């Protein structure tokens, strides 16, 4: 059962301080290895091999309608399984690294 209780700002700070104390200040401040940009993303354990249209659009920073248009125009390789559209992460990264749009290099 969940309680609906509002906490004051001071109480929240106390809880956070206690959690940090229990974890140890150095452990809480260390950045996780998977956030290290020097490690290629595809080598990270647990990384999905395929992305949904939404995930692929977010990954490269475009809108979903633009991603659907690129898929319709066969510019981005995709896999259709029933109604679901999947994009292979590596294929998307390869397409992005080529920098091509309708056979023309992006500037």
C-alpha atoms as a PDB file:
ATOM      1  CA  UNK A   1       0.000   0.000   0.000  1.00  0.00           C
ATOM      2  CA  UNK A   2       1.345   3.410  -0.968  1.00  0.00           C
ATOM      3  CA  UNK A   3       1.063   6.372   1.288  1.00  0.00           C
ATOM      4  CA  UNK A   4       0.277   9.778  -0.073  1.00  0.00           C
ATOM      5  CA  UNK A   5       2.652  11.839   1.978  1.00  0.00           C
ATOM      6  CA  UNK A   6       4.303  15.108   1.085  1.00  0.00           C
ATOM      7  CA  UNK A   7       7.843  15.677   2.248  1.00  0.00           C
ATOM      8  CA  UNK A   8       9.456  18.990   2.998  1.00  0.00           C
ATOM      9  CA  UNK A   9      12.554  20.025   1.120  1.00  0.00           C
ATOM     10  CA  UNK A  10      14.602  19.521   4.285  1.00  0.00           C
ATOM     11  CA  UNK A  11      13.311  15.952   4.684  1.00  0.00           C
ATOM     12  CA  UNK A  12      14.220  15.158   1.065  1.00  0.00           C
ATOM     13  CA  UNK A  13      17.736  16.514   1.632  1.00  0.00           C
ATOM     14  CA  UNK A  14      18.083  14.404   4.769  1.00  0.00           C
ATOM     15  CA  UNK A  15      17.070  11.245   2.906  1.00  0.00           C
ATOM     16  CA  UNK A  16      19.454  11.969   0.018  1.00  0.00           C
ATOM     17  CA  UNK A  17      22.300  12.692   2.433  1.00  0.00           C
ATOM     18  CA  UNK A  18      21.626   9.430   4.268  1.00  0.00           C
ATOM     19  CA  UNK A  19      21.578   7.421   1.033  1.00  0.00           C
ATOM     20  CA  UNK A  20      24.850   9.004  -0.100  1.00  0.00           C
ATOM     21  CA  UNK A  21      26.410   8.319   3.293  1.00  0.00           C
ATOM     22  CA  UNK A  22      25.387   4.664   3.125  1.00  0.00           C
ATOM     23  CA  UNK A  23      26.651   4.231  -0.417  1.00  0.00           C
ATOM     24  CA  UNK A  24      29.914   5.940   0.358  1.00  0.00           C
ATOM     25  CA  UNK A  25      30.647   9.321  -1.079  1.00  0.00           C
ATOM     26  CA  UNK A  26      33.144   8.083  -3.701  1.00  0.00           C
ATOM     27  CA  UNK A  27      30.874   5.322  -5.023  1.00  0.00           C
ATOM     28  CA  UNK A  28      27.979   7.739  -5.472  1.00  0.00           C
ATOM     29  CA  UNK A  29      30.118  10.250  -7.356  1.00  0.00           C
ATOM     30  CA  UNK A  30      31.751   7.803  -9.790  1.00  0.00           C
ATOM     31  CA  UNK A  31      30.369   7.937 -13.288  1.00  0.00           C
ATOM     32  CA  UNK A  32      29.186   4.522 -14.576  1.00  0.00           C
ATOM     33  CA  UNK A  33      31.370   2.996 -17.296  1.00  0.00           C
ATOM     34  CA  UNK A  34      28.504   2.826 -19.791  1.00  0.00           C
ATOM     35  CA  UNK A  35      28.374   6.657 -19.804  1.00  0.00           C
ATOM     36  CA  UNK A  36      31.987   6.867 -20.986  1.00  0.00           C
ATOM     37  CA  UNK A  37      31.866   8.265 -24.541  1.00  0.00           C
ATOM     38  CA  UNK A  38      35.257   6.781 -25.398  1.00  0.00           C
ATOM     39  CA  UNK A  39      33.696   3.281 -25.376  1.00  0.00           C
ATOM     40  CA  UNK A  40      31.725   2.511 -28.579  1.00  0.00           C
ATOM     41  CA  UNK A  41      28.030   2.227 -27.784  1.00  0.00           C
ATOM     42  CA  UNK A  42      27.484  -1.037 -29.639  1.00  0.00           C
ATOM     43  CA  UNK A  43      30.002  -2.804 -27.393  1.00  0.00           C
ATOM     44  CA  UNK A  44      28.103  -1.999 -24.198  1.00  0.00           C
ATOM     45  CA  UNK A  45      26.596  -5.100 -22.592  1.00  0.00           C
ATOM     46  CA  UNK A  46      22.822  -5.186 -22.638  1.00  0.00           C
ATOM     47  CA  UNK A  47      22.513  -2.819 -25.605  1.00  0.00           C
ATOM     48  CA  UNK A  48      19.553  -3.712 -27.774  1.00  0.00           C
ATOM     49  CA  UNK A  49      20.394  -4.804 -31.301  1.00  0.00           C
ATOM     50  CA  UNK A  50      17.195  -3.353 -32.747  1.00  0.00           C
ATOM     51  CA  UNK A  51      15.381  -0.099 -32.069  1.00  0.00           C
ATOM     52  CA  UNK A  52      11.795   0.999 -32.468  1.00  0.00           C
ATOM     53  CA  UNK A  53      11.118   3.945 -34.769  1.00  0.00           C
ATOM     54  CA  UNK A  54      10.786   6.199 -31.707  1.00  0.00           C
ATOM     55  CA  UNK A  55      14.069   4.976 -30.202  1.00  0.00           C
ATOM     56  CA  UNK A  56      15.918   5.329 -33.514  1.00  0.00           C
ATOM     57  CA  UNK A  57      14.589   8.860 -34.031  1.00  0.00           C
ATOM     58  CA  UNK A  58      15.628   9.850 -30.506  1.00  0.00           C
ATOM     59  CA  UNK A  59      19.061   8.276 -30.955  1.00  0.00           C
ATOM     60  CA  UNK A  60      19.933  10.400 -33.971  1.00  0.00           C
ATOM     61  CA  UNK A  61      17.911  13.458 -32.933  1.00  0.00           C
ATOM     62  CA  UNK A  62      15.149  13.641 -35.525  1.00  0.00           C
ATOM     63  CA  UNK A  63      11.362  13.553 -35.285  1.00  0.00           C
ATOM     64  CA  UNK A  64       9.344  10.349 -35.630  1.00  0.00           C
ATOM     65  CA  UNK A  65       7.585  11.564 -38.816  1.00  0.00           C
ATOM     66  CA  UNK A  66      10.989  12.246 -40.401  1.00  0.00           C
ATOM     67  CA  UNK A  67      12.180   8.776 -39.391  1.00  0.00           C
ATOM     68  CA  UNK A  68       9.050   7.185 -40.913  1.00  0.00           C
ATOM     69  CA  UNK A  69       9.659   9.165 -44.124  1.00  0.00           C
ATOM     70  CA  UNK A  70      13.280   7.970 -44.324  1.00  0.00           C
ATOM     71  CA  UNK A  71      12.094   4.378 -43.826  1.00  0.00           C
ATOM     72  CA  UNK A  72       9.375   4.753 -46.498  1.00  0.00           C
ATOM     73  CA  UNK A  73      11.985   6.123 -48.925  1.00  0.00           C
ATOM     74  CA  UNK A  74      14.254   3.132 -48.114  1.00  0.00           C
ATOM     75  CA  UNK A  75      17.012   5.481 -46.992  1.00  0.00           C
ATOM     76  CA  UNK A  76      17.245   3.778 -43.605  1.00  0.00           C
ATOM     77  CA  UNK A  77      17.241  -0.033 -43.594  1.00  0.00           C
ATOM     78  CA  UNK A  78      14.391  -1.455 -41.544  1.00  0.00           C
ATOM     79  CA  UNK A  79      12.839  -4.772 -40.636  1.00  0.00           C
ATOM     80  CA  UNK A  80       9.074  -5.203 -40.696  1.00  0.00           C
ATOM     81  CA  UNK A  81       7.588  -7.866 -38.428  1.00  0.00           C
ATOM     82  CA  UNK A  82       3.845  -7.621 -38.802  1.00  0.00           C
ATOM     83  CA  UNK A  83       2.940  -4.047 -37.855  1.00  0.00           C
ATOM     84  CA  UNK A  84       6.159  -3.501 -35.938  1.00  0.00           C
ATOM     85  CA  UNK A  85       9.049  -1.696 -37.611  1.00  0.00           C
ATOM     86  CA  UNK A  86      12.526  -2.327 -36.227  1.00  0.00           C
ATOM     87  CA  UNK A  87      15.790  -0.688 -37.166  1.00  0.00           C
ATOM     88  CA  UNK A  88      19.080  -2.485 -36.582  1.00  0.00           C
ATOM     89  CA  UNK A  89      21.185  -0.244 -34.327  1.00  0.00           C
ATOM     90  CA  UNK A  90      24.399  -0.940 -36.259  1.00  0.00           C
ATOM     91  CA  UNK A  91      22.693  -0.333 -39.631  1.00  0.00           C
ATOM     92  CA  UNK A  92      21.409   3.020 -38.365  1.00  0.00           C
ATOM     93  CA  UNK A  93      24.846   4.007 -37.061  1.00  0.00           C
ATOM     94  CA  UNK A  94      26.446   2.905 -40.352  1.00  0.00           C
ATOM     95  CA  UNK A  95      23.881   4.928 -42.341  1.00  0.00           C
ATOM     96  CA  UNK A  96      24.524   7.935 -40.145  1.00  0.00           C
ATOM     97  CA  UNK A  97      28.299   7.675 -40.475  1.00  0.00           C
ATOM     98  CA  UNK A  98      28.027   7.598 -44.302  1.00  0.00           C
ATOM     99  CA  UNK A  99      26.244  10.953 -44.184  1.00  0.00           C
ATOM    100  CA  UNK A 100      24.390  10.299 -47.416  1.00  0.00           C
ATOM    101  CA  UNK A 101      20.954  11.600 -48.335  1.00  0.00           C
ATOM    102  CA  UNK A 102      19.462  10.464 -51.644  1.00  0.00           C
ATOM    103  CA  UNK A 103      22.919   9.541 -52.867  1.00  0.00           C
ATOM    104  CA  UNK A 104      24.313  12.995 -52.091  1.00  0.00           C
ATOM    105  CA  UNK A 105      26.814  13.634 -49.332  1.00  0.00           C
ATOM    106  CA  UNK A 106      25.590  15.843 -46.531  1.00  0.00           C
ATOM    107  CA  UNK A 107      27.494  19.081 -46.092  1.00  0.00           C
END
